[in-house]
Structure formats: structure tokens, C-alpha cells
């Protein structure tokens, strides 16, 4: 039975290289290929039941990619999503699988591993590259140790909600809409959180929150 393989990436040369690789593989006889550099085109072409989507998430933040996986699976719950990423954090790897992805590959993936992963996913299996697997394994093994280093700082319930959404990559306006509060209130909570933690940049705040289990993932 012929299935569909959809490829998404922002660079045309990248997509053309993947299509060329597939055309020289066994998938040439069993699959149809489509390559898109716009997400709207992806969403309009994933309705068929036996569809695999290879999604390059370079440029996405964690919150955006998790929300997008959920959106795609609402369109087609049987869609098999493969993630190609330059994000090495084990928490991100875990979260995309929690959201329903079937595969996680890093940008240094070889053409042979790409084809191996595609075979596995098309057969209904999960695939994770060796480097990502090791990172995830180490994260799980050290989870208890990480918990023991969690901070004793007291954050209010609302501050924890705001902090969680900051770590999801949402901006103040988006957080305000989600929590039904004003943007001014969001910014006030953010300032209070940063004062309590003695942190002065958002990047450091997110890093600290994740490393010290201040938010659940």
C-alpha cells in the first residue's frame, strides 16, 4: 500500500536533498513525497490515514513545537510525526514524545539513520537517535538527584503558573490571554519571580526553573 511522506523545513535546499535521498531509496516504490517550507501547506496535506510527517523544528521554541504537535494530531490523530531538531535538552525530547511524536533525530543524523528511522516509524514503531537516547537516559537516571537540588524559594500559585508559561516560551500578552489577566499583571508577577530568585534575565530564569524543578514537564 502506498503511503505519503511529508517533509517540512525552512530551507529549500534541505528539502530537495531529502526528496532526492528518498527517490534513491526503497521508498520510491512505496510512497509519495511532498516537501513544504510553509506550515499551512503541511496542515492542508496530512488528512490521509497512512501519513508520515518529517518535521524540522529549527527556530521553534519548546512551547511552540509541543502546541503544534497537538494541533497536527487534532487534524489527523493517526499522523506519524518525526522530529528533526538541534535542541539537545532531554526535557524537550521527553515532552515531544509525551505530546505524540514517534521519532526524535538530531541535526547530525546521517542519511542511513534517517532512512532507518523512517522505516521504523512507518512500521508503527518509535525511533530515537542514539545521542538523544543517551541524553534522555541520563536525565531520567538523575531525576532524583535533580529533585534533591530543588530550591526552597516560596512562589505563589499564580507565580508558578506564570513561570510555567514563561518556560513554555509564551510572551506576556499570550500569558495574559491564557490566564485571563492583564499584561501588566503578568509583568508584575514576572518581576516578583525574578526578584525572589535573584535572576535578571529571562533565559537564566528559564534555565534555573527547569534545572531546579520549579515547573512540571
Foldseek 3Di string as FASTA:
>chain_A
DEEEEEEEDQDPVVQVVLVVLCCPDPNVVRYDYYYDHDVVVVLVPQQDLQYEYEYEQVPPALLVVLVVLLVSCVNPVNYAYEYEYQDQQLVSVVSNVVSPHQEYHYPPDDSVVVVVQVVQVSVPHHYYDPSSVVNNVVCVVCVVVLQVQADPQDADPVLLLLLQVLLSVDDLVVSCVVVVHDSVVSVVSVVVQCVSVVHDDSVVSSVNCVSRVSHDD
